[in-house]
Amino acid sequence: MTGTKSDFKTNNRLLFIEDTGEYLYSIDRMMHQLKRSGKLKNLAGLIFGGFTDMKDTERPFGKTIEELLLDVVKEYTFPVCFNFPVSHGLQNYALKIGATFELKVSPARVSLKES
């Protein structure tokens, strides 16, 4: 959607990403596309939900899903949450699209509150 009429705004917003049944290299490519297009630069925060039933190629990608996600976002200072309980798996809480939230992430706790 980047560069099209369907492009989405990310400045000062929370971005939520999760997927199911995808190849690791595809997620890596998507994350680098988001980074190179500037979509990650001015986020208010990033929430990674569940990545269920991930696939690898015959020649292994060489990173876990968590490692490749962290590698792409490690330079940013906005809060980043991993394994948020929204996915295509057993834990699948609802998130409101378009609502205003406050995300706080510490080593011990993650808090997502609707404002």
PDB file of N, CA and C in Angstrom:
ATOM      1  N   MET A   1       0.813  -1.198   0.000  1.00  0.00           N
ATOM      2  CA  MET A   1       0.000   0.000   0.000  1.00  0.00           C
ATOM      3  C   MET A   1       0.857   1.263   0.000  1.00  0.00           C
ATOM      4  N   THR A   2       2.121   1.128   0.380  1.00  0.00           N
ATOM      5  CA  THR A   2       2.993   2.297   0.430  1.00  0.00           C
ATOM      6  C   THR A   2       3.104   2.938  -0.939  1.00  0.00           C
ATOM      7  N   GLY A   3       2.885   4.244  -0.981  1.00  0.00           N
ATOM      8  CA  GLY A   3       2.993   4.984  -2.230  1.00  0.00           C
ATOM      9  C   GLY A   3       1.736   4.945  -3.079  1.00  0.00           C
ATOM     10  N   THR A   4       0.653   4.389  -2.564  1.00  0.00           N
ATOM     11  CA  THR A   4      -0.606   4.333  -3.319  1.00  0.00           C
ATOM     12  C   THR A   4      -1.668   5.168  -2.614  1.00  0.00           C
ATOM     13  N   LYS A   5      -2.845   5.272  -3.217  1.00  0.00           N
ATOM     14  CA  LYS A   5      -3.955   5.986  -2.583  1.00  0.00           C
ATOM     15  C   LYS A   5      -4.378   5.316  -1.278  1.00  0.00           C
ATOM     16  N   SER A   6      -4.054   4.036  -1.123  1.00  0.00           N
ATOM     17  CA  SER A   6      -4.417   3.289   0.086  1.00  0.00           C
ATOM     18  C   SER A   6      -3.359   3.389   1.180  1.00  0.00           C
ATOM     19  N   ASP A   7      -2.331   4.203   0.963  1.00  0.00           N
ATOM     20  CA  ASP A   7      -1.253   4.350   1.945  1.00  0.00           C
ATOM     21  C   ASP A   7      -1.830   4.787   3.292  1.00  0.00           C
ATOM     22  N   PHE A   8      -1.184   4.408   4.364  1.00  0.00           N
ATOM     23  CA  PHE A   8      -1.683   4.727   5.702  1.00  0.00           C
ATOM     24  C   PHE A   8      -0.714   5.661   6.421  1.00  0.00           C
ATOM     25  N   LYS A   9      -1.261   6.434   7.357  1.00  0.00           N
ATOM     26  CA  LYS A   9      -0.479   7.396   8.123  1.00  0.00           C
ATOM     27  C   LYS A   9       0.084   6.718   9.371  1.00  0.00           C
ATOM     28  N   THR A  10       1.334   7.050   9.684  1.00  0.00           N
ATOM     29  CA  THR A  10       1.947   6.470  10.882  1.00  0.00           C
ATOM     30  C   THR A  10       2.521   7.512  11.831  1.00  0.00           C
ATOM     31  N   ASN A  11       2.630   8.752  11.408  1.00  0.00           N
ATOM     32  CA  ASN A  11       3.223   9.779  12.272  1.00  0.00           C
ATOM     33  C   ASN A  11       2.446   9.933  13.569  1.00  0.00           C
ATOM     34  N   ASN A  12       3.169   9.777  14.684  1.00  0.00           N
ATOM     35  CA  ASN A  12       2.611   9.919  16.026  1.00  0.00           C
ATOM     36  C   ASN A  12       1.448   8.954  16.289  1.00  0.00           C
ATOM     37  N   ARG A  13       1.509   7.785  15.684  1.00  0.00           N
ATOM     38  CA  ARG A  13       0.467   6.782  15.867  1.00  0.00           C
ATOM     39  C   ARG A  13       1.077   5.470  16.329  1.00  0.00           C
ATOM     40  N   LEU A  14       0.234   4.641  16.911  1.00  0.00           N
ATOM     41  CA  LEU A  14       0.645   3.287  17.262  1.00  0.00           C
ATOM     42  C   LEU A  14       0.413   2.401  16.046  1.00  0.00           C
ATOM     43  N   LEU A  15       1.374   1.557  15.754  1.00  0.00           N
ATOM     44  CA  LEU A  15       1.243   0.610  14.658  1.00  0.00           C
ATOM     45  C   LEU A  15       1.197  -0.790  15.239  1.00  0.00           C
ATOM     46  N   PHE A  16       0.212  -1.572  14.832  1.00  0.00           N
ATOM     47  CA  PHE A  16       0.058  -2.945  15.280  1.00  0.00           C
ATOM     48  C   PHE A  16       0.295  -3.875  14.103  1.00  0.00           C
ATOM     49  N   ILE A  17       1.142  -4.888  14.308  1.00  0.00           N
ATOM     50  CA  ILE A  17       1.446  -5.846  13.249  1.00  0.00           C
ATOM     51  C   ILE A  17       1.398  -7.261  13.828  1.00  0.00           C
ATOM     52  N   GLU A  18       0.722  -8.152  13.133  1.00  0.00           N
ATOM     53  CA  GLU A  18       0.716  -9.578  13.460  1.00  0.00           C
ATOM     54  C   GLU A  18       0.501 -10.320  12.154  1.00  0.00           C
ATOM     55  N   ASP A  19       0.811 -11.617  12.148  1.00  0.00           N
ATOM     56  CA  ASP A  19       0.618 -12.386  10.927  1.00  0.00           C
ATOM     57  C   ASP A  19       0.533 -13.868  11.256  1.00  0.00           C
ATOM     58  N   THR A  20       0.083 -14.619  10.286  1.00  0.00           N
ATOM     59  CA  THR A  20      -0.011 -16.062  10.451  1.00  0.00           C
ATOM     60  C   THR A  20       0.359 -16.759   9.152  1.00  0.00           C
ATOM     61  N   GLY A  21       1.057 -17.872   9.278  1.00  0.00           N
ATOM     62  CA  GLY A  21       1.364 -18.704   8.127  1.00  0.00           C
ATOM     63  C   GLY A  21       2.280 -18.077   7.097  1.00  0.00           C
ATOM     64  N   GLU A  22       3.081 -17.120   7.484  1.00  0.00           N
ATOM     65  CA  GLU A  22       3.947 -16.396   6.546  1.00  0.00           C
ATOM     66  C   GLU A  22       5.384 -16.880   6.672  1.00  0.00           C
ATOM     67  N   TYR A  23       6.141 -16.720   5.602  1.00  0.00           N
ATOM     68  CA  TYR A  23       7.565 -17.044   5.631  1.00  0.00           C
ATOM     69  C   TYR A  23       8.327 -15.940   6.367  1.00  0.00           C
ATOM     70  N   LEU A  24       9.349 -16.333   7.114  1.00  0.00           N
ATOM     71  CA  LEU A  24      10.173 -15.378   7.855  1.00  0.00           C
ATOM     72  C   LEU A  24      10.764 -14.316   6.928  1.00  0.00           C
ATOM     73  N   TYR A  25      11.255 -14.719   5.766  1.00  0.00           N
ATOM     74  CA  TYR A  25      11.857 -13.741   4.860  1.00  0.00           C
ATOM     75  C   TYR A  25      10.838 -12.717   4.382  1.00  0.00           C
ATOM     76  N   SER A  26       9.563 -13.094   4.277  1.00  0.00           N
ATOM     77  CA  SER A  26       8.519 -12.145   3.855  1.00  0.00           C
ATOM     78  C   SER A  26       8.269 -11.090   4.929  1.00  0.00           C
ATOM     79  N   ILE A  27       8.275 -11.514   6.187  1.00  0.00           N
ATOM     80  CA  ILE A  27       8.100 -10.557   7.283  1.00  0.00           C
ATOM     81  C   ILE A  27       9.304  -9.625   7.339  1.00  0.00           C
ATOM     82  N   ASP A  28      10.497 -10.169   7.173  1.00  0.00           N
ATOM     83  CA  ASP A  28      11.705  -9.354   7.153  1.00  0.00           C
ATOM     84  C   ASP A  28      11.638  -8.322   6.031  1.00  0.00           C
ATOM     85  N   ARG A  29      11.234  -8.735   4.859  1.00  0.00           N
ATOM     86  CA  ARG A  29      11.111  -7.812   3.715  1.00  0.00           C
ATOM     87  C   ARG A  29      10.068  -6.726   3.994  1.00  0.00           C
ATOM     88  N   MET A  30       8.919  -7.113   4.562  1.00  0.00           N
ATOM     89  CA  MET A  30       7.876  -6.137   4.885  1.00  0.00           C
ATOM     90  C   MET A  30       8.382  -5.105   5.888  1.00  0.00           C
ATOM     91  N   MET A  31       9.085  -5.581   6.930  1.00  0.00           N
ATOM     92  CA  MET A  31       9.571  -4.658   7.950  1.00  0.00           C
ATOM     93  C   MET A  31      10.620  -3.703   7.377  1.00  0.00           C
ATOM     94  N   HIS A  32      11.490  -4.196   6.526  1.00  0.00           N
ATOM     95  CA  HIS A  32      12.482  -3.310   5.906  1.00  0.00           C
ATOM     96  C   HIS A  32      11.822  -2.333   4.937  1.00  0.00           C
ATOM     97  N   GLN A  33      10.758  -2.730   4.265  1.00  0.00           N
ATOM     98  CA  GLN A  33      10.011  -1.812   3.404  1.00  0.00           C
ATOM     99  C   GLN A  33       9.384  -0.697   4.238  1.00  0.00           C
ATOM    100  N   LEU A  34       8.791  -1.064   5.365  1.00  0.00           N
ATOM    101  CA  LEU A  34       8.209  -0.050   6.254  1.00  0.00           C
ATOM    102  C   LEU A  34       9.284   0.919   6.748  1.00  0.00           C
ATOM    103  N   LYS A  35      10.432   0.383   7.099  1.00  0.00           N
ATOM    104  CA  LYS A  35      11.529   1.218   7.585  1.00  0.00           C
ATOM    105  C   LYS A  35      12.049   2.145   6.486  1.00  0.00           C
ATOM    106  N   ARG A  36      12.340   1.588   5.327  1.00  0.00           N
ATOM    107  CA  ARG A  36      12.912   2.379   4.228  1.00  0.00           C
ATOM    108  C   ARG A  36      11.932   3.435   3.699  1.00  0.00           C
ATOM    109  N   SER A  37      10.630   3.176   3.830  1.00  0.00           N
ATOM    110  CA  SER A  37       9.639   4.141   3.360  1.00  0.00           C
ATOM    111  C   SER A  37       9.371   5.236   4.389  1.00  0.00           C
ATOM    112  N   GLY A  38       9.985   5.139   5.578  1.00  0.00           N
ATOM    113  CA  GLY A  38       9.804   6.153   6.613  1.00  0.00           C
ATOM    114  C   GLY A  38       8.607   5.914   7.510  1.00  0.00           C
ATOM    115  N   LYS A  39       7.914   4.814   7.325  1.00  0.00           N
ATOM    116  CA  LYS A  39       6.703   4.543   8.112  1.00  0.00           C
ATOM    117  C   LYS A  39       6.991   4.302   9.597  1.00  0.00           C
ATOM    118  N   LEU A  40       8.197   3.879   9.934  1.00  0.00           N
ATOM    119  CA  LEU A  40       8.523   3.597  11.335  1.00  0.00           C
ATOM    120  C   LEU A  40       9.149   4.792  12.042  1.00  0.00           C
ATOM    121  N   LYS A  41       9.641   5.738  11.283  1.00  0.00           N
ATOM    122  CA  LYS A  41      10.455   6.832  11.820  1.00  0.00           C
ATOM    123  C   LYS A  41       9.779   7.630  12.934  1.00  0.00           C
ATOM    124  N   ASN A  42       8.537   8.002  12.765  1.00  0.00           N
ATOM    125  CA  ASN A  42       7.874   8.891  13.725  1.00  0.00           C
ATOM    126  C   ASN A  42       6.695   8.240  14.441  1.00  0.00           C
ATOM    127  N   LEU A  43       6.774   6.935  14.634  1.00  0.00           N
ATOM    128  CA  LEU A  43       5.703   6.250  15.353  1.00  0.00           C
ATOM    129  C   LEU A  43       5.646   6.695  16.815  1.00  0.00           C
ATOM    130  N   ALA A  44       4.453   6.614  17.404  1.00  0.00           N
ATOM    131  CA  ALA A  44       4.310   6.804  18.848  1.00  0.00           C
ATOM    132  C   ALA A  44       4.630   5.505  19.567  1.00  0.00           C
ATOM    133  N   GLY A  45       4.489   4.388  18.884  1.00  0.00           N
ATOM    134  CA  GLY A  45       4.789   3.083  19.457  1.00  0.00           C
ATOM    135  C   GLY A  45       4.488   1.991  18.458  1.00  0.00           C
ATOM    136  N   LEU A  46       5.035   0.822  18.726  1.00  0.00           N
ATOM    137  CA  LEU A  46       4.869  -0.318  17.831  1.00  0.00           C
ATOM    138  C   LEU A  46       4.498  -1.539  18.645  1.00  0.00           C
ATOM    139  N   ILE A  47       3.421  -2.197  18.247  1.00  0.00           N
ATOM    140  CA  ILE A  47       2.934  -3.377  18.946  1.00  0.00           C
ATOM    141  C   ILE A  47       3.006  -4.557  17.987  1.00  0.00           C
ATOM    142  N   PHE A  48       3.795  -5.557  18.363  1.00  0.00           N
ATOM    143  CA  PHE A  48       3.849  -6.792  17.603  1.00  0.00           C
ATOM    144  C   PHE A  48       2.967  -7.808  18.313  1.00  0.00           C
ATOM    145  N   GLY A  49       1.948  -8.270  17.617  1.00  0.00           N
ATOM    146  CA  GLY A  49       1.084  -9.316  18.156  1.00  0.00           C
ATOM    147  C   GLY A  49       1.705 -10.673  17.913  1.00  0.00           C
ATOM    148  N   GLY A  50       0.858 -11.672  17.819  1.00  0.00           N
ATOM    149  CA  GLY A  50       1.340 -13.025  17.582  1.00  0.00           C
ATOM    150  C   GLY A  50       1.722 -13.251  16.135  1.00  0.00           C
ATOM    151  N   PHE A  51       2.755 -14.011  15.944  1.00  0.00           N
ATOM    152  CA  PHE A  51       3.169 -14.461  14.614  1.00  0.00           C
ATOM    153  C   PHE A  51       3.085 -15.983  14.661  1.00  0.00           C
ATOM    154  N   THR A  52       1.928 -16.499  14.278  1.00  0.00           N
ATOM    155  CA  THR A  52       1.652 -17.917  14.429  1.00  0.00           C
ATOM    156  C   THR A  52       1.920 -18.682  13.136  1.00  0.00           C
ATOM    157  N   ASP A  53       2.297 -19.935  13.305  1.00  0.00           N
ATOM    158  CA  ASP A  53       2.535 -20.842  12.178  1.00  0.00           C
ATOM    159  C   ASP A  53       3.494 -20.261  11.146  1.00  0.00           C
ATOM    160  N   MET A  54       4.552 -19.616  11.634  1.00  0.00           N
ATOM    161  CA  MET A  54       5.539 -19.037  10.725  1.00  0.00           C
ATOM    162  C   MET A  54       6.269 -20.154   9.986  1.00  0.00           C
ATOM    163  N   LYS A  55       6.691 -19.845   8.763  1.00  0.00           N
ATOM    164  CA  LYS A  55       7.371 -20.833   7.923  1.00  0.00           C
ATOM    165  C   LYS A  55       8.807 -20.394   7.666  1.00  0.00           C
ATOM    166  N   ASP A  56       9.643 -21.367   7.412  1.00  0.00           N
ATOM    167  CA  ASP A  56      11.022 -21.098   7.028  1.00  0.00           C
ATOM    168  C   ASP A  56      11.278 -21.817   5.707  1.00  0.00           C
ATOM    169  N   THR A  57      12.281 -21.392   4.996  1.00  0.00           N
ATOM    170  CA  THR A  57      12.620 -22.014   3.727  1.00  0.00           C
ATOM    171  C   THR A  57      13.526 -23.218   3.955  1.00  0.00           C
ATOM    172  N   GLU A  58      13.767 -23.975   2.885  1.00  0.00           N
ATOM    173  CA  GLU A  58      14.627 -25.151   2.997  1.00  0.00           C
ATOM    174  C   GLU A  58      16.001 -24.772   3.537  1.00  0.00           C
ATOM    175  N   ARG A  59      16.553 -23.668   3.021  1.00  0.00           N
ATOM    176  CA  ARG A  59      17.776 -23.108   3.601  1.00  0.00           C
ATOM    177  C   ARG A  59      17.319 -22.099   4.649  1.00  0.00           C
ATOM    178  N   PRO A  60      17.523 -22.387   5.941  1.00  0.00           N
ATOM    179  CA  PRO A  60      16.950 -21.551   7.009  1.00  0.00           C
ATOM    180  C   PRO A  60      17.310 -20.067   6.900  1.00  0.00           C
ATOM    181  N   PHE A  61      16.358 -19.230   7.272  1.00  0.00           N
ATOM    182  CA  PHE A  61      16.535 -17.777   7.248  1.00  0.00           C
ATOM    183  C   PHE A  61      17.645 -17.351   8.199  1.00  0.00           C
ATOM    184  N   GLY A  62      17.753 -18.025   9.331  1.00  0.00           N
ATOM    185  CA  GLY A  62      18.851 -17.751  10.257  1.00  0.00           C
ATOM    186  C   GLY A  62      18.489 -16.896  11.453  1.00  0.00           C
ATOM    187  N   LYS A  63      17.251 -16.451  11.537  1.00  0.00           N
ATOM    188  CA  LYS A  63      16.792 -15.662  12.683  1.00  0.00           C
ATOM    189  C   LYS A  63      15.396 -16.123  13.063  1.00  0.00           C
ATOM    190  N   THR A  64      15.084 -16.004  14.339  1.00  0.00           N
ATOM    191  CA  THR A  64      13.707 -16.224  14.779  1.00  0.00           C
ATOM    192  C   THR A  64      12.893 -14.997  14.418  1.00  0.00           C
ATOM    193  N   ILE A  65      11.589 -15.097  14.516  1.00  0.00           N
ATOM    194  CA  ILE A  65      10.732 -13.942  14.221  1.00  0.00           C
ATOM    195  C   ILE A  65      11.055 -12.793  15.173  1.00  0.00           C
ATOM    196  N   GLU A  66      11.297 -13.089  16.430  1.00  0.00           N
ATOM    197  CA  GLU A  66      11.610 -12.039  17.403  1.00  0.00           C
ATOM    198  C   GLU A  66      12.933 -11.356  17.061  1.00  0.00           C
ATOM    199  N   GLU A  67      13.934 -12.139  16.668  1.00  0.00           N
ATOM    200  CA  GLU A  67      15.238 -11.565  16.307  1.00  0.00           C
ATOM    201  C   GLU A  67      15.143 -10.658  15.090  1.00  0.00           C
ATOM    202  N   LEU A  68      14.408 -11.078  14.077  1.00  0.00           N
ATOM    203  CA  LEU A  68      14.337 -10.227  12.882  1.00  0.00           C
ATOM    204  C   LEU A  68      13.531  -8.961  13.133  1.00  0.00           C
ATOM    205  N   LEU A  69      12.473  -9.045  13.948  1.00  0.00           N
ATOM    206  CA  LEU A  69      11.700  -7.845  14.276  1.00  0.00           C
ATOM    207  C   LEU A  69      12.545  -6.867  15.088  1.00  0.00           C
ATOM    208  N   LEU A  70      13.231  -7.374  16.093  1.00  0.00           N
ATOM    209  CA  LEU A  70      14.077  -6.530  16.936  1.00  0.00           C
ATOM    210  C   LEU A  70      15.190  -5.884  16.117  1.00  0.00           C
ATOM    211  N   ASP A  71      15.767  -6.614  15.197  1.00  0.00           N
ATOM    212  CA  ASP A  71      16.845  -6.084  14.366  1.00  0.00           C
ATOM    213  C   ASP A  71      16.395  -4.860  13.570  1.00  0.00           C
ATOM    214  N   VAL A  72      15.170  -4.860  13.102  1.00  0.00           N
ATOM    215  CA  VAL A  72      14.664  -3.740  12.295  1.00  0.00           C
ATOM    216  C   VAL A  72      14.354  -2.517  13.152  1.00  0.00           C
ATOM    217  N   VAL A  73      13.899  -2.706  14.390  1.00  0.00           N
ATOM    218  CA  VAL A  73      13.430  -1.572  15.201  1.00  0.00           C
ATOM    219  C   VAL A  73      14.385  -1.147  16.317  1.00  0.00           C
ATOM    220  N   LYS A  74      15.527  -1.794  16.445  1.00  0.00           N
ATOM    221  CA  LYS A  74      16.408  -1.539  17.590  1.00  0.00           C
ATOM    222  C   LYS A  74      16.910  -0.105  17.693  1.00  0.00           C
ATOM    223  N   GLU A  75      16.954   0.641  16.614  1.00  0.00           N
ATOM    224  CA  GLU A  75      17.479   2.009  16.652  1.00  0.00           C
ATOM    225  C   GLU A  75      16.458   3.053  17.101  1.00  0.00           C
ATOM    226  N   TYR A  76      15.192   2.679  17.156  1.00  0.00           N
ATOM    227  CA  TYR A  76      14.149   3.653  17.481  1.00  0.00           C
ATOM    228  C   TYR A  76      13.964   3.795  18.986  1.00  0.00           C
ATOM    229  N   THR A  77      13.462   4.957  19.410  1.00  0.00           N
ATOM    230  CA  THR A  77      13.269   5.205  20.840  1.00  0.00           C
ATOM    231  C   THR A  77      11.813   5.068  21.271  1.00  0.00           C
ATOM    232  N   PHE A  78      10.884   4.891  20.344  1.00  0.00           N
ATOM    233  CA  PHE A  78       9.490   4.718  20.734  1.00  0.00           C
ATOM    234  C   PHE A  78       9.307   3.348  21.405  1.00  0.00           C
ATOM    235  N   PRO A  79       8.249   3.206  22.225  1.00  0.00           N
ATOM    236  CA  PRO A  79       8.023   1.921  22.892  1.00  0.00           C
ATOM    237  C   PRO A  79       7.673   0.829  21.885  1.00  0.00           C
ATOM    238  N   VAL A  80       8.254  -0.351  22.104  1.00  0.00           N
ATOM    239  CA  VAL A  80       7.992  -1.514  21.254  1.00  0.00           C
ATOM    240  C   VAL A  80       7.574  -2.673  22.146  1.00  0.00           C
ATOM    241  N   CYS A  81       6.473  -3.291  21.798  1.00  0.00           N
ATOM    242  CA  CYS A  81       5.931  -4.411  22.558  1.00  0.00           C
ATOM    243  C   CYS A  81       5.939  -5.655  21.670  1.00  0.00           C
ATOM    244  N   PHE A  82       6.434  -6.764  22.203  1.00  0.00           N
ATOM    245  CA  PHE A  82       6.454  -8.040  21.487  1.00  0.00           C
ATOM    246  C   PHE A  82       5.447  -9.002  22.106  1.00  0.00           C
ATOM    247  N   ASN A  83       4.923  -9.898  21.291  1.00  0.00           N
ATOM    248  CA  ASN A  83       4.011 -10.967  21.737  1.00  0.00           C
ATOM    249  C   ASN A  83       2.752 -10.443  22.422  1.00  0.00           C
ATOM    250  N   PHE A  84       2.233  -9.316  21.949  1.00  0.00           N
ATOM    251  CA  PHE A  84       0.978  -8.791  22.480  1.00  0.00           C
ATOM    252  C   PHE A  84      -0.117  -9.825  22.182  1.00  0.00           C
ATOM    253  N   PRO A  85      -1.035 -10.061  23.116  1.00  0.00           N
ATOM    254  CA  PRO A  85      -1.999 -11.162  22.963  1.00  0.00           C
ATOM    255  C   PRO A  85      -3.119 -10.894  21.952  1.00  0.00           C
ATOM    256  N   VAL A  86      -2.727 -10.527  20.750  1.00  0.00           N
ATOM    257  CA  VAL A  86      -3.658 -10.402  19.629  1.00  0.00           C
ATOM    258  C   VAL A  86      -3.023 -11.151  18.479  1.00  0.00           C
ATOM    259  N   SER A  87      -3.729 -12.162  17.972  1.00  0.00           N
ATOM    260  CA  SER A  87      -3.131 -12.998  16.936  1.00  0.00           C
ATOM    261  C   SER A  87      -4.202 -13.878  16.313  1.00  0.00           C
ATOM    262  N   HIS A  88      -3.749 -14.828  15.535  1.00  0.00           N
ATOM    263  CA  HIS A  88      -4.638 -15.849  15.004  1.00  0.00           C
ATOM    264  C   HIS A  88      -4.561 -17.119  15.851  1.00  0.00           C
ATOM    265  N   GLY A  89      -3.921 -17.012  17.012  1.00  0.00           N
ATOM    266  CA  GLY A  89      -3.772 -18.141  17.922  1.00  0.00           C
ATOM    267  C   GLY A  89      -4.842 -18.119  19.000  1.00  0.00           C
ATOM    268  N   LEU A  90      -4.547 -18.778  20.116  1.00  0.00           N
ATOM    269  CA  LEU A  90      -5.516 -18.876  21.206  1.00  0.00           C
ATOM    270  C   LEU A  90      -5.770 -17.538  21.887  1.00  0.00           C
ATOM    271  N   GLN A  91      -4.718 -16.743  22.086  1.00  0.00           N
ATOM    272  CA  GLN A  91      -4.907 -15.419  22.681  1.00  0.00           C
ATOM    273  C   GLN A  91      -5.212 -14.428  21.567  1.00  0.00           C
ATOM    274  N   ASN A  92      -6.431 -13.896  21.586  1.00  0.00           N
ATOM    275  CA  ASN A  92      -6.830 -12.996  20.519  1.00  0.00           C
ATOM    276  C   ASN A  92      -7.806 -11.956  21.054  1.00  0.00           C
ATOM    277  N   TYR A  93      -7.265 -11.009  21.803  1.00  0.00           N
ATOM    278  CA  TYR A  93      -8.081  -9.929  22.325  1.00  0.00           C
ATOM    279  C   TYR A  93      -8.359  -8.913  21.217  1.00  0.00           C
ATOM    280  N   ALA A  94      -9.438  -8.195  21.346  1.00  0.00           N
ATOM    281  CA  ALA A  94      -9.815  -7.208  20.320  1.00  0.00           C
ATOM    282  C   ALA A  94      -9.079  -5.887  20.549  1.00  0.00           C
ATOM    283  N   LEU A  95      -8.667  -5.267  19.470  1.00  0.00           N
ATOM    284  CA  LEU A  95      -8.117  -3.911  19.500  1.00  0.00           C
ATOM    285  C   LEU A  95      -9.027  -3.014  18.669  1.00  0.00           C
ATOM    286  N   LYS A  96      -9.332  -1.852  19.187  1.00  0.00           N
ATOM    287  CA  LYS A  96     -10.148  -0.904  18.441  1.00  0.00           C
ATOM    288  C   LYS A  96      -9.276  -0.178  17.420  1.00  0.00           C
ATOM    289  N   ILE A  97      -9.729  -0.118  16.215  1.00  0.00           N
ATOM    290  CA  ILE A  97      -9.034   0.618  15.166  1.00  0.00           C
ATOM    291  C   ILE A  97      -9.502   2.073  15.220  1.00  0.00           C
ATOM    292  N   GLY A  98      -8.558   2.994  15.230  1.00  0.00           N
ATOM    293  CA  GLY A  98      -8.891   4.414  15.221  1.00  0.00           C
ATOM    294  C   GLY A  98      -9.078   5.027  16.598  1.00  0.00           C
ATOM    295  N   ALA A  99      -9.041   4.224  17.654  1.00  0.00           N
ATOM    296  CA  ALA A  99      -9.172   4.761  19.007  1.00  0.00           C
ATOM    297  C   ALA A  99      -7.834   5.358  19.436  1.00  0.00           C
ATOM    298  N   THR A 100      -7.866   6.151  20.493  1.00  0.00           N
ATOM    299  CA  THR A 100      -6.649   6.745  21.035  1.00  0.00           C
ATOM    300  C   THR A 100      -6.176   5.914  22.223  1.00  0.00           C
ATOM    301  N   PHE A 101      -4.918   5.476  22.159  1.00  0.00           N
ATOM    302  CA  PHE A 101      -4.350   4.635  23.202  1.00  0.00           C
ATOM    303  C   PHE A 101      -3.054   5.234  23.706  1.00  0.00           C
ATOM    304  N   GLU A 102      -2.674   4.811  24.916  1.00  0.00           N
ATOM    305  CA  GLU A 102      -1.369   5.126  25.477  1.00  0.00           C
ATOM    306  C   GLU A 102      -0.655   3.803  25.716  1.00  0.00           C
ATOM    307  N   LEU A 103       0.545   3.664  25.129  1.00  0.00           N
ATOM    308  CA  LEU A 103       1.343   2.456  25.268  1.00  0.00           C
ATOM    309  C   LEU A 103       2.533   2.748  26.163  1.00  0.00           C
ATOM    310  N   LYS A 104       2.695   1.944  27.211  1.00  0.00           N
ATOM    311  CA  LYS A 104       3.860   2.034  28.085  1.00  0.00           C
ATOM    312  C   LYS A 104       4.516   0.660  28.128  1.00  0.00           C
ATOM    313  N   VAL A 105       5.826   0.640  27.904  1.00  0.00           N
ATOM    314  CA  VAL A 105       6.575  -0.611  27.898  1.00  0.00           C
ATOM    315  C   VAL A 105       7.767  -0.471  28.833  1.00  0.00           C
ATOM    316  N   SER A 106       7.887  -1.400  29.769  1.00  0.00           N
ATOM    317  CA  SER A 106       9.056  -1.476  30.648  1.00  0.00           C
ATOM    318  C   SER A 106       9.529  -2.930  30.627  1.00  0.00           C
ATOM    319  N   PRO A 107      10.698  -3.197  31.170  1.00  0.00           N
ATOM    320  CA  PRO A 107      11.173  -4.589  31.190  1.00  0.00           C
ATOM    321  C   PRO A 107      10.224  -5.543  31.917  1.00  0.00           C
ATOM    322  N   ALA A 108       9.450  -5.028  32.864  1.00  0.00           N
ATOM    323  CA  ALA A 108       8.584  -5.883  33.670  1.00  0.00           C
ATOM    324  C   ALA A 108       7.120  -5.871  33.237  1.00  0.00           C
ATOM    325  N   ARG A 109       6.717  -4.855  32.446  1.00  0.00           N
ATOM    326  CA  ARG A 109       5.270  -4.689  32.221  1.00  0.00           C
ATOM    327  C   ARG A 109       4.983  -3.947  30.927  1.00  0.00           C
ATOM    328  N   VAL A 110       3.856  -4.310  30.308  1.00  0.00           N
ATOM    329  CA  VAL A 110       3.335  -3.586  29.149  1.00  0.00           C
ATOM    330  C   VAL A 110       1.929  -3.138  29.506  1.00  0.00           C
ATOM    331  N   SER A 111       1.646  -1.871  29.207  1.00  0.00           N
ATOM    332  CA  SER A 111       0.325  -1.322  29.475  1.00  0.00           C
ATOM    333  C   SER A 111      -0.188  -0.626  28.225  1.00  0.00           C
ATOM    334  N   LEU A 112      -1.381  -0.980  27.809  1.00  0.00           N
ATOM    335  CA  LEU A 112      -2.053  -0.319  26.682  1.00  0.00           C
ATOM    336  C   LEU A 112      -3.407   0.125  27.186  1.00  0.00           C
ATOM    337  N   LYS A 113      -3.566   1.446  27.335  1.00  0.00           N
ATOM    338  CA  LYS A 113      -4.809   1.995  27.874  1.00  0.00           C
ATOM    339  C   LYS A 113      -5.462   2.889  26.847  1.00  0.00           C
ATOM    340  N   GLU A 114      -6.774   2.732  26.708  1.00  0.00           N
ATOM    341  CA  GLU A 114      -7.529   3.629  25.832  1.00  0.00           C
ATOM    342  C   GLU A 114      -7.694   4.966  26.529  1.00  0.00           C
ATOM    343  N   SER A 115      -7.412   6.040  25.806  1.00  0.00           N
ATOM    344  CA  SER A 115      -7.515   7.390  26.384  1.00  0.00           C
ATOM    345  C   SER A 115      -8.926   7.918  26.282  1.00  0.00           C
TER     346      SER A 115
END
